[in-house]
Amino acid sequence: YSVGLGVSKNFGFSNVAMSVSYAEKKWSLAAAVNFSLGYTGSRGLNITSRQRSTMGMADIHIYEDVDADGVFNEGVDKPIPDVGITLNSQVVENKQSDKNGKLGLDELSVFGPAIVAVGLGQVSDGFLVPMYPKIQMWPRPGNALLVNYPLTEAGEISGYIRMELPPV
């Protein structure tokens, strides 16, 4: 006969498992620690308990493209913090761009395109609109895509309204 007992716990950054068993008048004890490492330029080294080798990642840079050239230019263009996004038409909960306009997405499916969009209600400045309504990307396993998402001013109208009333 044989008897065994095992326990495991997910700590978010790793899975830890331990087991003990008895068989043929011998005891055995086993321990395991499982984790995945990932590296992206903007977030550095990431450690997680989820398997990363079959999932994709993306680093999205959201910024005001002051010169409207579609490229982030340090000192000219401005990062936009606190912007939320949609991924495949679903709002991404609890994810907003940081003070540098960067937002990281993990665990993207690699079996089809990922479509990212910034909605008008997700930007605090009502005059800023995305240069592209949606950006389509194809995540690849273990690879972090770097995606620029420029916003530009929609335009504004200024002027005076003058109304003359007849004399009384």
Protein backbone atom coordinates (compact mmCIF):
# COMPACT_ATOMS: atom_id res chain seq x y z
CA TYR A 1 0.00 0.00 0.00
CA SER A 2 0.97 3.64 -0.35
CA VAL A 3 -0.26 6.89 1.16
CA GLY A 4 0.47 10.44 0.06
CA LEU A 5 -0.45 13.97 1.01
CA GLY A 6 0.30 17.17 -0.86
CA VAL A 7 -0.44 20.86 -0.55
CA SER A 8 0.20 23.82 -2.85
CA LYS A 9 -0.22 27.59 -2.56
CA ASN A 10 -0.16 30.32 -5.20
CA PHE A 11 1.58 33.46 -3.89
CA GLY A 12 1.06 35.47 -7.07
CA PHE A 13 4.76 35.56 -7.91
CA SER A 14 5.22 31.78 -7.58
CA ASN A 15 3.52 28.47 -6.82
CA VAL A 16 4.93 26.51 -3.87
CA ALA A 17 4.07 22.84 -3.42
CA MET A 18 5.03 20.22 -0.85
CA SER A 19 4.16 16.56 -0.62
CA VAL A 20 4.91 13.62 1.61
CA SER A 21 4.29 9.96 0.81
CA TYR A 22 4.83 6.52 2.30
CA ALA A 23 5.22 3.42 0.14
CA GLU A 24 6.94 0.08 0.64
CA LYS A 25 8.21 1.03 4.12
CA LYS A 26 9.89 4.20 2.77
CA TRP A 27 9.03 7.84 3.33
CA SER A 28 9.59 10.51 0.73
CA LEU A 29 9.31 14.29 0.91
CA ALA A 30 9.16 16.60 -2.11
CA ALA A 31 9.06 20.37 -2.52
CA ALA A 32 8.64 22.50 -5.65
CA VAL A 33 8.70 26.19 -6.50
CA ASN A 34 7.40 27.25 -9.93
CA PHE A 35 7.54 30.73 -11.47
CA SER A 36 7.90 32.48 -14.82
CA LEU A 37 10.25 35.32 -15.64
CA GLY A 38 9.56 37.96 -18.24
CA TYR A 39 11.46 41.07 -19.27
CA THR A 40 10.12 44.23 -20.87
CA GLY A 41 11.93 47.47 -21.47
CA SER A 42 9.54 49.71 -19.55
CA ARG A 43 8.73 47.40 -16.63
CA GLY A 44 12.02 45.53 -16.31
CA LEU A 45 12.04 42.00 -14.93
CA ASN A 46 8.64 40.52 -14.05
CA ILE A 47 8.05 37.44 -11.94
CA THR A 48 4.70 35.65 -11.89
CA SER A 49 3.19 32.29 -11.07
CA ARG A 50 1.42 32.18 -14.44
CA GLN A 51 3.17 30.46 -17.32
CA ARG A 52 4.49 33.13 -19.69
CA SER A 53 6.00 30.97 -22.40
CA THR A 54 2.61 30.56 -24.11
CA MET A 55 1.31 34.12 -23.60
CA GLY A 56 2.18 37.48 -25.13
CA MET A 57 2.80 40.87 -23.54
CA ALA A 58 2.58 44.47 -24.68
CA ASP A 59 3.95 47.77 -23.41
CA ILE A 60 1.72 50.61 -24.58
CA HIS A 61 2.95 54.21 -24.55
CA ILE A 62 0.10 56.74 -24.54
CA TYR A 63 1.13 60.32 -25.24
CA GLU A 64 0.00 63.64 -26.69
CA ASP A 65 1.65 63.90 -30.10
CA VAL A 66 2.16 67.68 -30.11
CA ASP A 67 3.90 67.75 -33.51
CA ALA A 68 1.48 65.14 -34.98
CA ASP A 69 4.24 63.00 -36.51
CA GLY A 70 3.13 59.68 -34.95
CA VAL A 71 6.46 59.26 -33.11
CA PHE A 72 7.20 60.09 -29.47
CA ASN A 73 9.75 62.91 -29.33
CA GLU A 74 11.25 63.57 -25.89
CA GLY A 75 10.83 67.21 -24.87
CA VAL A 76 8.13 67.85 -27.47
CA ASP A 77 5.44 65.24 -26.91
CA LYS A 78 3.81 64.73 -23.49
CA PRO A 79 3.05 61.41 -21.76
CA ILE A 80 -0.58 61.12 -20.64
CA PRO A 81 -1.18 59.50 -17.23
CA ASP A 82 -4.36 57.80 -15.97
CA VAL A 83 -5.68 56.69 -19.36
CA GLY A 84 -7.66 53.44 -19.55
CA ILE A 85 -7.96 51.23 -22.61
CA THR A 86 -10.14 48.57 -24.14
CA LEU A 87 -8.72 45.27 -25.32
CA ASN A 88 -10.78 43.43 -27.95
CA SER A 89 -13.75 45.73 -27.17
CA GLN A 90 -13.63 44.93 -23.43
CA VAL A 91 -12.61 47.56 -20.85
CA VAL A 92 -9.38 46.52 -19.11
CA GLU A 93 -10.20 46.86 -15.42
CA ASN A 94 -7.71 48.34 -12.94
CA LYS A 95 -5.15 49.24 -15.62
CA GLN A 96 -4.28 52.82 -16.44
CA SER A 97 -1.22 54.49 -17.86
CA ASP A 98 1.34 55.60 -15.28
CA LYS A 99 2.89 59.09 -14.96
CA ASN A 100 5.11 58.29 -17.99
CA GLY A 101 2.11 57.30 -20.12
CA LYS A 102 3.11 53.61 -19.99
CA LEU A 103 0.69 50.74 -19.54
CA GLY A 104 1.66 47.07 -19.52
CA LEU A 105 -0.56 44.20 -20.62
CA ASP A 106 0.27 40.62 -19.67
CA GLU A 107 -1.20 37.26 -20.60
CA LEU A 108 -2.35 38.18 -24.10
CA SER A 109 -3.60 35.36 -26.27
CA VAL A 110 -1.24 34.44 -29.10
CA PHE A 111 -3.95 32.75 -31.17
CA GLY A 112 -5.25 35.91 -32.82
CA PRO A 113 -4.90 39.66 -32.96
CA ALA A 114 -5.26 41.91 -29.93
CA ILE A 115 -7.10 45.14 -30.68
CA VAL A 116 -6.36 48.08 -28.35
CA ALA A 117 -8.37 51.30 -28.25
CA VAL A 118 -8.53 54.44 -26.14
CA GLY A 119 -12.07 55.71 -25.75
CA LEU A 120 -12.99 59.38 -25.57
CA GLY A 121 -14.29 58.97 -22.02
CA GLN A 122 -10.99 57.45 -20.90
CA VAL A 123 -8.93 60.64 -21.39
CA SER A 124 -9.33 63.56 -18.98
CA ASP A 125 -8.67 66.21 -21.66
CA GLY A 126 -11.75 66.30 -23.87
CA PHE A 127 -9.83 67.88 -26.78
CA LEU A 128 -7.43 64.94 -27.13
CA VAL A 129 -8.45 62.15 -29.49
CA PRO A 130 -6.54 59.07 -30.69
CA MET A 131 -4.72 59.48 -34.02
CA TYR A 132 -5.83 55.89 -34.76
CA PRO A 133 -9.24 54.63 -33.59
CA LYS A 134 -7.79 51.17 -32.88
CA ILE A 135 -4.39 49.53 -32.97
CA GLN A 136 -4.16 45.87 -33.95
CA MET A 137 -1.20 43.83 -32.77
CA TRP A 138 -0.24 40.17 -32.92
CA PRO A 139 1.21 39.03 -29.57
CA ARG A 140 3.86 36.31 -29.65
CA PRO A 141 4.87 33.93 -26.86
CA GLY A 142 7.45 35.33 -24.47
CA ASN A 143 7.77 38.57 -26.43
CA ALA A 144 6.76 42.06 -25.29
CA LEU A 145 5.46 44.26 -28.09
CA LEU A 146 6.23 47.98 -27.84
CA VAL A 147 3.22 49.97 -29.03
CA ASN A 148 3.03 53.76 -29.39
CA TYR A 149 -0.49 55.16 -29.04
CA PRO A 150 -0.44 58.86 -29.99
CA LEU A 151 -3.28 61.25 -29.18
CA THR A 152 -3.61 64.67 -30.76
CA GLU A 153 -5.78 67.73 -30.32
CA ALA A 154 -9.09 67.47 -32.13
CA GLY A 155 -9.21 71.21 -32.57
CA GLU A 156 -10.98 74.02 -30.91
CA ILE A 157 -12.99 77.02 -31.89
CA SER A 158 -12.63 80.35 -30.19
CA GLY A 159 -14.47 83.55 -30.85
CA TYR A 160 -17.08 85.96 -29.58
CA ILE A 161 -20.83 85.98 -29.78
CA ARG A 162 -22.33 89.40 -30.06
CA MET A 163 -25.98 90.13 -29.71
CA GLU A 164 -27.50 93.55 -30.21
CA LEU A 165 -30.79 94.34 -28.57
CA PRO A 166 -33.17 96.97 -29.89
CA PRO A 167 -33.27 100.21 -27.90
CA VAL A 168 -36.01 100.51 -25.32
